[in-house]
PDB file of N, CA and C in Angstrom:
ATOM      1  N   MET A   1      35.115 -25.588 -30.669  1.00  0.00           N
ATOM      2  CA  MET A   1      35.516 -24.186 -30.634  1.00  0.00           C
ATOM      3  C   MET A   1      37.043 -24.105 -30.665  1.00  0.00           C
ATOM      4  N   THR A   2      37.581 -23.278 -31.509  1.00  0.00           N
ATOM      5  CA  THR A   2      39.020 -23.106 -31.653  1.00  0.00           C
ATOM      6  C   THR A   2      39.555 -22.271 -30.487  1.00  0.00           C
ATOM      7  N   PRO A   3      40.607 -22.767 -29.815  1.00  0.00           N
ATOM      8  CA  PRO A   3      41.159 -21.990 -28.696  1.00  0.00           C
ATOM      9  C   PRO A   3      41.845 -20.720 -29.208  1.00  0.00           C
ATOM     10  N   ASN A   4      41.815 -19.691 -28.389  1.00  0.00           N
ATOM     11  CA  ASN A   4      42.523 -18.460 -28.761  1.00  0.00           C
ATOM     12  C   ASN A   4      43.937 -18.511 -28.182  1.00  0.00           C
ATOM     13  N   ILE A   5      44.738 -17.519 -28.494  1.00  0.00           N
ATOM     14  CA  ILE A   5      46.148 -17.516 -28.076  1.00  0.00           C
ATOM     15  C   ILE A   5      46.297 -17.528 -26.558  1.00  0.00           C
ATOM     16  N   ALA A   6      45.391 -16.837 -25.858  1.00  0.00           N
ATOM     17  CA  ALA A   6      45.468 -16.818 -24.389  1.00  0.00           C
ATOM     18  C   ALA A   6      45.275 -18.215 -23.816  1.00  0.00           C
ATOM     19  N   ASP A   7      44.340 -18.974 -24.375  1.00  0.00           N
ATOM     20  CA  ASP A   7      44.108 -20.342 -23.900  1.00  0.00           C
ATOM     21  C   ASP A   7      45.308 -21.243 -24.176  1.00  0.00           C
ATOM     22  N   ILE A   8      45.919 -21.047 -25.319  1.00  0.00           N
ATOM     23  CA  ILE A   8      47.058 -21.892 -25.700  1.00  0.00           C
ATOM     24  C   ILE A   8      48.261 -21.636 -24.801  1.00  0.00           C
ATOM     25  N   ILE A   9      48.637 -20.372 -24.604  1.00  0.00           N
ATOM     26  CA  ILE A   9      49.855 -20.096 -23.825  1.00  0.00           C
ATOM     27  C   ILE A   9      49.645 -20.196 -22.319  1.00  0.00           C
ATOM     28  N   ARG A  10      48.400 -20.190 -21.853  1.00  0.00           N
ATOM     29  CA  ARG A  10      48.133 -20.270 -20.412  1.00  0.00           C
ATOM     30  C   ARG A  10      48.795 -21.500 -19.792  1.00  0.00           C
ATOM     31  N   GLN A  11      48.871 -22.584 -20.543  1.00  0.00           N
ATOM     32  CA  GLN A  11      49.455 -23.824 -20.017  1.00  0.00           C
ATOM     33  C   GLN A  11      50.987 -23.829 -20.115  1.00  0.00           C
ATOM     34  N   HIS A  12      51.550 -22.851 -20.805  1.00  0.00           N
ATOM     35  CA  HIS A  12      52.988 -22.873 -21.046  1.00  0.00           C
ATOM     36  C   HIS A  12      53.743 -21.667 -20.498  1.00  0.00           C
ATOM     37  N   VAL A  13      53.035 -20.673 -20.024  1.00  0.00           N
ATOM     38  CA  VAL A  13      53.671 -19.447 -19.569  1.00  0.00           C
ATOM     39  C   VAL A  13      53.300 -19.194 -18.107  1.00  0.00           C
ATOM     40  N   THR A  14      54.297 -18.855 -17.318  1.00  0.00           N
ATOM     41  CA  THR A  14      54.071 -18.528 -15.922  1.00  0.00           C
ATOM     42  C   THR A  14      54.504 -17.091 -15.687  1.00  0.00           C
ATOM     43  N   LEU A  15      53.692 -16.360 -14.966  1.00  0.00           N
ATOM     44  CA  LEU A  15      54.028 -14.974 -14.634  1.00  0.00           C
ATOM     45  C   LEU A  15      54.422 -14.919 -13.169  1.00  0.00           C
ATOM     46  N   SER A  16      55.583 -14.378 -12.912  1.00  0.00           N
ATOM     47  CA  SER A  16      56.054 -14.190 -11.551  1.00  0.00           C
ATOM     48  C   SER A  16      56.212 -12.699 -11.306  1.00  0.00           C
ATOM     49  N   VAL A  17      55.510 -12.187 -10.312  1.00  0.00           N
ATOM     50  CA  VAL A  17      55.564 -10.760 -10.021  1.00  0.00           C
ATOM     51  C   VAL A  17      56.424 -10.549  -8.785  1.00  0.00           C
ATOM     52  N   SER A  18      57.413  -9.667  -8.905  1.00  0.00           N
ATOM     53  CA  SER A  18      58.291  -9.405  -7.774  1.00  0.00           C
ATOM     54  C   SER A  18      58.289  -7.925  -7.417  1.00  0.00           C
ATOM     55  N   CYS A  19      57.152  -7.288  -7.607  1.00  0.00           N
ATOM     56  CA  CYS A  19      57.049  -5.886  -7.251  1.00  0.00           C
ATOM     57  C   CYS A  19      55.660  -5.625  -6.686  1.00  0.00           C
ATOM     58  N   ILE A  20      55.468  -4.466  -6.158  1.00  0.00           N
ATOM     59  CA  ILE A  20      54.182  -4.080  -5.610  1.00  0.00           C
ATOM     60  C   ILE A  20      53.450  -3.258  -6.649  1.00  0.00           C
ATOM     61  N   ASP A  21      52.217  -3.625  -6.912  1.00  0.00           N
ATOM     62  CA  ASP A  21      51.391  -2.783  -7.772  1.00  0.00           C
ATOM     63  C   ASP A  21      50.881  -1.647  -6.915  1.00  0.00           C
ATOM     64  N   ARG A  22      51.015  -0.456  -7.418  1.00  0.00           N
ATOM     65  CA  ARG A  22      50.572   0.712  -6.664  1.00  0.00           C
ATOM     66  C   ARG A  22      49.573   1.492  -7.486  1.00  0.00           C
ATOM     67  N   LEU A  23      48.571   1.975  -6.828  1.00  0.00           N
ATOM     68  CA  LEU A  23      47.577   2.810  -7.476  1.00  0.00           C
ATOM     69  C   LEU A  23      47.670   4.193  -6.875  1.00  0.00           C
ATOM     70  N   TYR A  24      47.958   5.151  -7.710  1.00  0.00           N
ATOM     71  CA  TYR A  24      48.009   6.534  -7.275  1.00  0.00           C
ATOM     72  C   TYR A  24      46.771   7.221  -7.810  1.00  0.00           C
ATOM     73  N   LEU A  25      46.081   7.920  -6.953  1.00  0.00           N
ATOM     74  CA  LEU A  25      44.877   8.599  -7.377  1.00  0.00           C
ATOM     75  C   LEU A  25      45.226   9.995  -7.849  1.00  0.00           C
ATOM     76  N   HIS A  26      45.075  10.202  -9.142  1.00  0.00           N
ATOM     77  CA  HIS A  26      45.294  11.511  -9.741  1.00  0.00           C
ATOM     78  C   HIS A  26      44.091  11.823 -10.607  1.00  0.00           C
ATOM     79  N   ALA A  27      43.679  13.055 -10.593  1.00  0.00           N
ATOM     80  CA  ALA A  27      42.605  13.482 -11.484  1.00  0.00           C
ATOM     81  C   ALA A  27      43.116  14.661 -12.293  1.00  0.00           C
ATOM     82  N   TYR A  28      42.993  14.555 -13.589  1.00  0.00           N
ATOM     83  CA  TYR A  28      43.413  15.643 -14.457  1.00  0.00           C
ATOM     84  C   TYR A  28      42.183  16.138 -15.195  1.00  0.00           C
ATOM     85  N   MET A  29      41.784  17.334 -14.878  1.00  0.00           N
ATOM     86  CA  MET A  29      40.611  17.933 -15.497  1.00  0.00           C
ATOM     87  C   MET A  29      41.016  19.313 -15.997  1.00  0.00           C
ATOM     88  N   PRO A  30      41.463  19.402 -17.246  1.00  0.00           N
ATOM     89  CA  PRO A  30      42.018  20.662 -17.752  1.00  0.00           C
ATOM     90  C   PRO A  30      41.088  21.855 -17.604  1.00  0.00           C
ATOM     91  N   LYS A  31      39.798  21.653 -17.799  1.00  0.00           N
ATOM     92  CA  LYS A  31      38.876  22.784 -17.708  1.00  0.00           C
ATOM     93  C   LYS A  31      38.721  23.272 -16.275  1.00  0.00           C
ATOM     94  N   ARG A  32      39.061  22.429 -15.310  1.00  0.00           N
ATOM     95  CA  ARG A  32      38.952  22.825 -13.903  1.00  0.00           C
ATOM     96  C   ARG A  32      40.214  23.519 -13.406  1.00  0.00           C
ATOM     97  N   GLN A  33      41.234  23.605 -14.238  1.00  0.00           N
ATOM     98  CA  GLN A  33      42.495  24.195 -13.806  1.00  0.00           C
ATOM     99  C   GLN A  33      42.576  25.685 -14.102  1.00  0.00           C
ATOM    100  N   THR A  34      41.464  26.266 -14.398  1.00  0.00           N
ATOM    101  CA  THR A  34      41.401  27.720 -14.567  1.00  0.00           C
ATOM    102  C   THR A  34      40.502  28.271 -13.463  1.00  0.00           C
ATOM    103  N   SER A  35      40.627  29.536 -13.182  1.00  0.00           N
ATOM    104  CA  SER A  35      39.796  30.113 -12.119  1.00  0.00           C
ATOM    105  C   SER A  35      38.313  29.987 -12.462  1.00  0.00           C
ATOM    106  N   GLY A  36      37.957  30.188 -13.730  1.00  0.00           N
ATOM    107  CA  GLY A  36      36.563  30.052 -14.131  1.00  0.00           C
ATOM    108  C   GLY A  36      36.056  28.630 -13.994  1.00  0.00           C
ATOM    109  N   GLY A  37      36.884  27.673 -14.383  1.00  0.00           N
ATOM    110  CA  GLY A  37      36.507  26.266 -14.267  1.00  0.00           C
ATOM    111  C   GLY A  37      36.345  25.844 -12.828  1.00  0.00           C
ATOM    112  N   LEU A  38      37.239  26.322 -11.974  1.00  0.00           N
ATOM    113  CA  LEU A  38      37.163  25.996 -10.555  1.00  0.00           C
ATOM    114  C   LEU A  38      35.902  26.598  -9.927  1.00  0.00           C
ATOM    115  N   CYS A  39      35.614  27.837 -10.260  1.00  0.00           N
ATOM    116  CA  CYS A  39      34.389  28.475  -9.747  1.00  0.00           C
ATOM    117  C   CYS A  39      33.155  27.730 -10.231  1.00  0.00           C
ATOM    118  N   SER A  40      33.158  27.313 -11.492  1.00  0.00           N
ATOM    119  CA  SER A  40      32.040  26.548 -12.035  1.00  0.00           C
ATOM    120  C   SER A  40      31.864  25.236 -11.287  1.00  0.00           C
ATOM    121  N   PHE A  41      32.966  24.564 -11.002  1.00  0.00           N
ATOM    122  CA  PHE A  41      32.921  23.294 -10.269  1.00  0.00           C
ATOM    123  C   PHE A  41      32.311  23.483  -8.886  1.00  0.00           C
ATOM    124  N   LEU A  42      32.775  24.483  -8.167  1.00  0.00           N
ATOM    125  CA  LEU A  42      32.297  24.701  -6.804  1.00  0.00           C
ATOM    126  C   LEU A  42      30.877  25.268  -6.763  1.00  0.00           C
ATOM    127  N   HIS A  43      30.560  26.160  -7.687  1.00  0.00           N
ATOM    128  CA  HIS A  43      29.247  26.809  -7.681  1.00  0.00           C
ATOM    129  C   HIS A  43      28.193  25.974  -8.403  1.00  0.00           C
ATOM    130  N   ASP A  44      28.440  25.665  -9.670  1.00  0.00           N
ATOM    131  CA  ASP A  44      27.425  24.988 -10.473  1.00  0.00           C
ATOM    132  C   ASP A  44      27.315  23.494 -10.147  1.00  0.00           C
ATOM    133  N   HIS A  45      28.451  22.822 -10.085  1.00  0.00           N
ATOM    134  CA  HIS A  45      28.428  21.371  -9.874  1.00  0.00           C
ATOM    135  C   HIS A  45      28.086  21.003  -8.432  1.00  0.00           C
ATOM    136  N   HIS A  46      28.673  21.715  -7.487  1.00  0.00           N
ATOM    137  CA  HIS A  46      28.448  21.392  -6.069  1.00  0.00           C
ATOM    138  C   HIS A  46      27.369  22.256  -5.424  1.00  0.00           C
ATOM    139  N   GLY A  47      26.884  23.269  -6.127  1.00  0.00           N
ATOM    140  CA  GLY A  47      25.774  24.066  -5.618  1.00  0.00           C
ATOM    141  C   GLY A  47      26.122  25.005  -4.479  1.00  0.00           C
ATOM    142  N   ASN A  48      27.385  25.388  -4.363  1.00  0.00           N
ATOM    143  CA  ASN A  48      27.779  26.328  -3.322  1.00  0.00           C
ATOM    144  C   ASN A  48      27.566  27.758  -3.830  1.00  0.00           C
ATOM    145  N   PRO A  49      26.883  28.606  -3.054  1.00  0.00           N
ATOM    146  CA  PRO A  49      26.611  29.958  -3.534  1.00  0.00           C
ATOM    147  C   PRO A  49      27.870  30.804  -3.711  1.00  0.00           C
ATOM    148  N   ILE A  50      28.890  30.528  -2.895  1.00  0.00           N
ATOM    149  CA  ILE A  50      30.140  31.286  -2.987  1.00  0.00           C
ATOM    150  C   ILE A  50      31.289  30.293  -3.176  1.00  0.00           C
ATOM    151  N   PRO A  51      31.935  30.311  -4.350  1.00  0.00           N
ATOM    152  CA  PRO A  51      33.067  29.405  -4.551  1.00  0.00           C
ATOM    153  C   PRO A  51      34.246  29.838  -3.679  1.00  0.00           C
ATOM    154  N   SER A  52      34.743  28.917  -2.879  1.00  0.00           N
ATOM    155  CA  SER A  52      35.837  29.227  -1.964  1.00  0.00           C
ATOM    156  C   SER A  52      36.730  28.005  -1.806  1.00  0.00           C
ATOM    157  N   SER A  53      38.019  28.237  -1.637  1.00  0.00           N
ATOM    158  CA  SER A  53      38.941  27.119  -1.420  1.00  0.00           C
ATOM    159  C   SER A  53      38.649  26.398  -0.111  1.00  0.00           C
ATOM    160  N   ALA A  54      37.939  27.038   0.794  1.00  0.00           N
ATOM    161  CA  ALA A  54      37.564  26.394   2.066  1.00  0.00           C
ATOM    162  C   ALA A  54      36.649  25.195   1.838  1.00  0.00           C
ATOM    163  N   LEU A  55      36.047  25.100   0.679  1.00  0.00           N
ATOM    164  CA  LEU A  55      35.139  23.994   0.372  1.00  0.00           C
ATOM    165  C   LEU A  55      35.878  22.690   0.077  1.00  0.00           C
ATOM    166  N   PHE A  56      37.177  22.779  -0.184  1.00  0.00           N
ATOM    167  CA  PHE A  56      37.923  21.570  -0.515  1.00  0.00           C
ATOM    168  C   PHE A  56      38.189  20.688   0.702  1.00  0.00           C
ATOM    169  N   ARG A  57      38.365  21.254   1.866  1.00  0.00           N
ATOM    170  CA  ARG A  57      38.648  20.460   3.061  1.00  0.00           C
ATOM    171  C   ARG A  57      37.526  19.464   3.362  1.00  0.00           C
ATOM    172  N   PRO A  58      36.255  19.886   3.342  1.00  0.00           N
ATOM    173  CA  PRO A  58      35.193  18.901   3.576  1.00  0.00           C
ATOM    174  C   PRO A  58      35.156  17.795   2.511  1.00  0.00           C
ATOM    175  N   MET A  59      35.428  18.133   1.240  1.00  0.00           N
ATOM    176  CA  MET A  59      35.466  17.099   0.191  1.00  0.00           C
ATOM    177  C   MET A  59      36.606  16.118   0.467  1.00  0.00           C
ATOM    178  N   HIS A  60      37.763  16.644   0.842  1.00  0.00           N
ATOM    179  CA  HIS A  60      38.927  15.826   1.173  1.00  0.00           C
ATOM    180  C   HIS A  60      38.596  14.890   2.334  1.00  0.00           C
ATOM    181  N   ASP A  61      38.005  15.439   3.380  1.00  0.00           N
ATOM    182  CA  ASP A  61      37.685  14.636   4.560  1.00  0.00           C
ATOM    183  C   ASP A  61      36.654  13.546   4.245  1.00  0.00           C
ATOM    184  N   ARG A  62      35.655  13.866   3.410  1.00  0.00           N
ATOM    185  CA  ARG A  62      34.659  12.852   3.023  1.00  0.00           C
ATOM    186  C   ARG A  62      35.308  11.729   2.222  1.00  0.00           C
ATOM    187  N   PHE A  63      36.244  12.083   1.345  1.00  0.00           N
ATOM    188  CA  PHE A  63      36.943  11.068   0.561  1.00  0.00           C
ATOM    189  C   PHE A  63      37.745  10.142   1.477  1.00  0.00           C
ATOM    190  N   LEU A  64      38.498  10.714   2.401  1.00  0.00           N
ATOM    191  CA  LEU A  64      39.289   9.884   3.313  1.00  0.00           C
ATOM    192  C   LEU A  64      38.389   8.990   4.160  1.00  0.00           C
ATOM    193  N   GLN A  65      37.271   9.522   4.617  1.00  0.00           N
ATOM    194  CA  GLN A  65      36.330   8.723   5.404  1.00  0.00           C
ATOM    195  C   GLN A  65      35.770   7.567   4.577  1.00  0.00           C
ATOM    196  N   ALA A  66      35.468   7.824   3.309  1.00  0.00           N
ATOM    197  CA  ALA A  66      34.950   6.768   2.431  1.00  0.00           C
ATOM    198  C   ALA A  66      35.993   5.665   2.230  1.00  0.00           C
ATOM    199  N   VAL A  67      37.259   6.050   2.077  1.00  0.00           N
ATOM    200  CA  VAL A  67      38.331   5.058   1.923  1.00  0.00           C
ATOM    201  C   VAL A  67      38.472   4.242   3.202  1.00  0.00           C
ATOM    202  N   GLU A  68      38.465   4.891   4.359  1.00  0.00           N
ATOM    203  CA  GLU A  68      38.571   4.187   5.639  1.00  0.00           C
ATOM    204  C   GLU A  68      37.386   3.252   5.858  1.00  0.00           C
ATOM    205  N   THR A  69      36.192   3.700   5.492  1.00  0.00           N
ATOM    206  CA  THR A  69      34.998   2.855   5.619  1.00  0.00           C
ATOM    207  C   THR A  69      35.119   1.629   4.726  1.00  0.00           C
ATOM    208  N   PHE A  70      35.550   1.831   3.480  1.00  0.00           N
ATOM    209  CA  PHE A  70      35.747   0.719   2.547  1.00  0.00           C
ATOM    210  C   PHE A  70      36.739  -0.297   3.122  1.00  0.00           C
ATOM    211  N   ALA A  71      37.861   0.201   3.619  1.00  0.00           N
ATOM    212  CA  ALA A  71      38.883  -0.686   4.185  1.00  0.00           C
ATOM    213  C   ALA A  71      38.323  -1.464   5.372  1.00  0.00           C
ATOM    214  N   GLY A  72      37.576  -0.780   6.228  1.00  0.00           N
ATOM    215  CA  GLY A  72      36.998  -1.455   7.392  1.00  0.00           C
ATOM    216  C   GLY A  72      35.972  -2.501   7.010  1.00  0.00           C
ATOM    217  N   GLN A  73      35.117  -2.201   6.056  1.00  0.00           N
ATOM    218  CA  GLN A  73      34.078  -3.137   5.629  1.00  0.00           C
ATOM    219  C   GLN A  73      34.652  -4.377   4.966  1.00  0.00           C
ATOM    220  N   HIS A  74      35.806  -4.241   4.336  1.00  0.00           N
ATOM    221  CA  HIS A  74      36.400  -5.358   3.612  1.00  0.00           C
ATOM    222  C   HIS A  74      37.600  -5.965   4.335  1.00  0.00           C
ATOM    223  N   GLY A  75      37.849  -5.531   5.555  1.00  0.00           N
ATOM    224  CA  GLY A  75      38.961  -6.088   6.332  1.00  0.00           C
ATOM    225  C   GLY A  75      40.319  -5.839   5.716  1.00  0.00           C
ATOM    226  N   ILE A  76      40.499  -4.705   5.083  1.00  0.00           N
ATOM    227  CA  ILE A  76      41.771  -4.380   4.442  1.00  0.00           C
ATOM    228  C   ILE A  76      42.669  -3.669   5.450  1.00  0.00           C
ATOM    229  N   PRO A  77      43.850  -4.212   5.709  1.00  0.00           N
ATOM    230  CA  PRO A  77      44.748  -3.559   6.668  1.00  0.00           C
ATOM    231  C   PRO A  77      45.300  -2.248   6.108  1.00  0.00           C
ATOM    232  N   THR A  78      45.612  -1.335   7.005  1.00  0.00           N
ATOM    233  CA  THR A  78      46.228  -0.070   6.614  1.00  0.00           C
ATOM    234  C   THR A  78      47.612   0.019   7.248  1.00  0.00           C
ATOM    235  N   VAL A  79      48.544   0.583   6.511  1.00  0.00           N
ATOM    236  CA  VAL A  79      49.927   0.690   6.958  1.00  0.00           C
ATOM    237  C   VAL A  79      50.391   2.113   6.725  1.00  0.00           C
ATOM    238  N   GLU A  80      51.108   2.654   7.683  1.00  0.00           N
ATOM    239  CA  GLU A  80      51.727   3.963   7.502  1.00  0.00           C
ATOM    240  C   GLU A  80      53.243   3.755   7.482  1.00  0.00           C
ATOM    241  N   PHE A  81      53.850   4.080   6.349  1.00  0.00           N
ATOM    242  CA  PHE A  81      55.291   3.907   6.191  1.00  0.00           C
ATOM    243  C   PHE A  81      56.037   5.074   6.811  1.00  0.00           C
ATOM    244  N   LYS A  82      57.112   4.746   7.484  1.00  0.00           N
ATOM    245  CA  LYS A  82      57.988   5.770   8.025  1.00  0.00           C
ATOM    246  C   LYS A  82      59.057   6.091   6.973  1.00  0.00           C
ATOM    247  N   PRO A  83      59.584   7.302   6.976  1.00  0.00           N
ATOM    248  CA  PRO A  83      60.624   7.651   6.001  1.00  0.00           C
ATOM    249  C   PRO A  83      61.799   6.675   6.088  1.00  0.00           C
ATOM    250  N   GLY A  84      62.269   6.238   4.947  1.00  0.00           N
ATOM    251  CA  GLY A  84      63.422   5.347   4.891  1.00  0.00           C
ATOM    252  C   GLY A  84      63.086   3.870   4.946  1.00  0.00           C
ATOM    253  N   GLN A  85      61.845   3.503   5.256  1.00  0.00           N
ATOM    254  CA  GLN A  85      61.489   2.088   5.301  1.00  0.00           C
ATOM    255  C   GLN A  85      61.398   1.524   3.890  1.00  0.00           C
ATOM    256  N   ARG A  86      61.795   0.242   3.745  1.00  0.00           N
ATOM    257  CA  ARG A  86      61.632  -0.435   2.455  1.00  0.00           C
ATOM    258  C   ARG A  86      60.209  -0.961   2.377  1.00  0.00           C
ATOM    259  N   LYS A  87      59.413  -0.287   1.594  1.00  0.00           N
ATOM    260  CA  LYS A  87      57.994  -0.598   1.493  1.00  0.00           C
ATOM    261  C   LYS A  87      57.752  -2.014   0.975  1.00  0.00           C
ATOM    262  N   ASP A  88      58.558  -2.451   0.013  1.00  0.00           N
ATOM    263  CA  ASP A  88      58.398  -3.790  -0.544  1.00  0.00           C
ATOM    264  C   ASP A  88      58.550  -4.862   0.536  1.00  0.00           C
ATOM    265  N   ASP A  89      59.510  -4.681   1.438  1.00  0.00           N
ATOM    266  CA  ASP A  89      59.729  -5.660   2.501  1.00  0.00           C
ATOM    267  C   ASP A  89      58.541  -5.726   3.458  1.00  0.00           C
ATOM    268  N   ILE A  90      57.983  -4.577   3.779  1.00  0.00           N
ATOM    269  CA  ILE A  90      56.861  -4.532   4.723  1.00  0.00           C
ATOM    270  C   ILE A  90      55.610  -5.146   4.111  1.00  0.00           C
ATOM    271  N   VAL A  91      55.325  -4.790   2.876  1.00  0.00           N
ATOM    272  CA  VAL A  91      54.108  -5.274   2.226  1.00  0.00           C
ATOM    273  C   VAL A  91      54.233  -6.741   1.818  1.00  0.00           C
ATOM    274  N   ALA A  92      55.451  -7.263   1.706  1.00  0.00           N
ATOM    275  CA  ALA A  92      55.643  -8.672   1.328  1.00  0.00           C
ATOM    276  C   ALA A  92      54.918  -9.603   2.292  1.00  0.00           C
ATOM    277  N   ASP A  93      54.931  -9.287   3.576  1.00  0.00           N
ATOM    278  CA  ASP A  93      54.229 -10.125   4.558  1.00  0.00           C
ATOM    279  C   ASP A  93      52.727 -10.131   4.300  1.00  0.00           C
ATOM    280  N   TYR A  94      52.178  -8.980   3.970  1.00  0.00           N
ATOM    281  CA  TYR A  94      50.739  -8.900   3.668  1.00  0.00           C
ATOM    282  C   TYR A  94      50.412  -9.680   2.393  1.00  0.00           C
ATOM    283  N   ARG A  95      51.279  -9.556   1.380  1.00  0.00           N
ATOM    284  CA  ARG A  95      51.048 -10.291   0.131  1.00  0.00           C
ATOM    285  C   ARG A  95      51.112 -11.787   0.367  1.00  0.00           C
ATOM    286  N   ALA A  96      52.019 -12.226   1.215  1.00  0.00           N
ATOM    287  CA  ALA A  96      52.172 -13.657   1.493  1.00  0.00           C
ATOM    288  C   ALA A  96      50.917 -14.233   2.151  1.00  0.00           C
ATOM    289  N   ARG A  97      50.237 -13.426   2.958  1.00  0.00           N
ATOM    290  CA  ARG A  97      49.020 -13.888   3.642  1.00  0.00           C
ATOM    291  C   ARG A  97      47.758 -13.699   2.801  1.00  0.00           C
ATOM    292  N   PHE A  98      47.875 -13.012   1.674  1.00  0.00           N
ATOM    293  CA  PHE A  98      46.722 -12.718   0.814  1.00  0.00           C
ATOM    294  C   PHE A  98      46.388 -13.952  -0.003  1.00  0.00           C
ATOM    295  N   THR A  99      45.210 -14.520   0.194  1.00  0.00           N
ATOM    296  CA  THR A  99      44.892 -15.807  -0.427  1.00  0.00           C
ATOM    297  C   THR A  99      43.915 -15.734  -1.591  1.00  0.00           C
ATOM    298  N   THR A 100      43.226 -14.620  -1.756  1.00  0.00           N
ATOM    299  CA  THR A 100      42.269 -14.549  -2.859  1.00  0.00           C
ATOM    300  C   THR A 100      42.980 -14.197  -4.164  1.00  0.00           C
ATOM    301  N   ARG A 101      42.300 -14.450  -5.270  1.00  0.00           N
ATOM    302  CA  ARG A 101      42.905 -14.241  -6.596  1.00  0.00           C
ATOM    303  C   ARG A 101      43.144 -12.772  -6.896  1.00  0.00           C
ATOM    304  N   GLU A 102      42.236 -11.906  -6.469  1.00  0.00           N
ATOM    305  CA  GLU A 102      42.400 -10.486  -6.728  1.00  0.00           C
ATOM    306  C   GLU A 102      41.757  -9.696  -5.606  1.00  0.00           C
ATOM    307  N   GLY A 103      42.159  -8.444  -5.491  1.00  0.00           N
ATOM    308  CA  GLY A 103      41.604  -7.579  -4.461  1.00  0.00           C
ATOM    309  C   GLY A 103      42.648  -6.607  -3.955  1.00  0.00           C
ATOM    310  N   VAL A 104      42.278  -5.902  -2.919  1.00  0.00           N
ATOM    311  CA  VAL A 104      43.169  -4.921  -2.308  1.00  0.00           C
ATOM    312  C   VAL A 104      43.928  -5.626  -1.187  1.00  0.00           C
ATOM    313  N   VAL A 105      45.232  -5.629  -1.267  1.00  0.00           N
ATOM    314  CA  VAL A 105      46.067  -6.300  -0.268  1.00  0.00           C
ATOM    315  C   VAL A 105      46.214  -5.431   0.970  1.00  0.00           C
ATOM    316  N   VAL A 106      46.536  -4.164   0.775  1.00  0.00           N
ATOM    317  CA  VAL A 106      46.780  -3.256   1.887  1.00  0.00           C
ATOM    318  C   VAL A 106      46.610  -1.823   1.390  1.00  0.00           C
ATOM    319  N   LEU A 107      46.158  -0.958   2.268  1.00  0.00           N
ATOM    320  CA  LEU A 107      46.141   0.475   1.979  1.00  0.00           C
ATOM    321  C   LEU A 107      47.312   1.080   2.732  1.00  0.00           C
ATOM    322  N   ALA A 108      48.123   1.835   2.040  1.00  0.00           N
ATOM    323  CA  ALA A 108      49.327   2.370   2.661  1.00  0.00           C
ATOM    324  C   ALA A 108      49.488   3.836   2.330  1.00  0.00           C
ATOM    325  N   GLN A 109      50.163   4.523   3.235  1.00  0.00           N
ATOM    326  CA  GLN A 109      50.487   5.922   2.984  1.00  0.00           C
ATOM    327  C   GLN A 109      51.788   6.263   3.676  1.00  0.00           C
ATOM    328  N   GLU A 110      52.417   7.295   3.188  1.00  0.00           N
ATOM    329  CA  GLU A 110      53.646   7.782   3.803  1.00  0.00           C
ATOM    330  C   GLU A 110      53.293   8.516   5.100  1.00  0.00           C
ATOM    331  N   GLU A 111      54.145   8.351   6.098  1.00  0.00           N
ATOM    332  CA  GLU A 111      53.962   9.101   7.341  1.00  0.00           C
ATOM    333  C   GLU A 111      54.099  10.577   7.042  1.00  0.00           C
ATOM    334  N   LYS A 112      53.224  11.359   7.638  1.00  0.00           N
ATOM    335  CA  LYS A 112      53.301  12.805   7.426  1.00  0.00           C
ATOM    336  C   LYS A 112      54.504  13.357   8.182  1.00  0.00           C
ATOM    337  N   VAL A 113      55.332  14.092   7.482  1.00  0.00           N
ATOM    338  CA  VAL A 113      56.517  14.690   8.082  1.00  0.00           C
ATOM    339  C   VAL A 113      56.205  16.172   8.317  1.00  0.00           C
ATOM    340  N   ALA A 114      56.459  16.630   9.510  1.00  0.00           N
ATOM    341  CA  ALA A 114      56.194  18.034   9.845  1.00  0.00           C
ATOM    342  C   ALA A 114      57.045  18.953   8.979  1.00  0.00           C
ATOM    343  N   ALA A 115      56.439  20.032   8.542  1.00  0.00           N
ATOM    344  CA  ALA A 115      57.165  20.999   7.722  1.00  0.00           C
ATOM    345  C   ALA A 115      58.248  21.671   8.565  1.00  0.00           C
ATOM    346  N   ARG A 116      59.371  21.922   7.929  1.00  0.00           N
ATOM    347  CA  ARG A 116      60.483  22.590   8.620  1.00  0.00           C
ATOM    348  C   ARG A 116      60.405  24.069   8.395  1.00  0.00           C
ATOM    349  N   ASP A 117      60.672  24.840   9.427  1.00  0.00           N
ATOM    350  CA  ASP A 117      60.656  26.296   9.311  1.00  0.00           C
ATOM    351  C   ASP A 117      61.979  26.830   8.834  1.00  0.00           C
TER     352      ASP A 117
END
């Protein structure tokens, strides 16, 4: 079998990563960004008789609970960054202890800052 280019260069190329890979969860659903689309999502898709913005809090809370459950089941540490902290320096320790080839190293979020009046 003839080797492909990936097989050939694998022995000659080294990749060194000096940054943190970050995953940001964004959902872009153009049809849901209209009042009609939003009502359809809440009423038709979720089966709520009255579409209301109050329905988003329970969805938000269920999502956060699912993420926390996932982290707990897989032993993934969670970190809350304080304003001004160098995130790369903090996560470097977690990366150094991470021994598997792939996976989630740490779940992190910015500390919530109280709104100013």
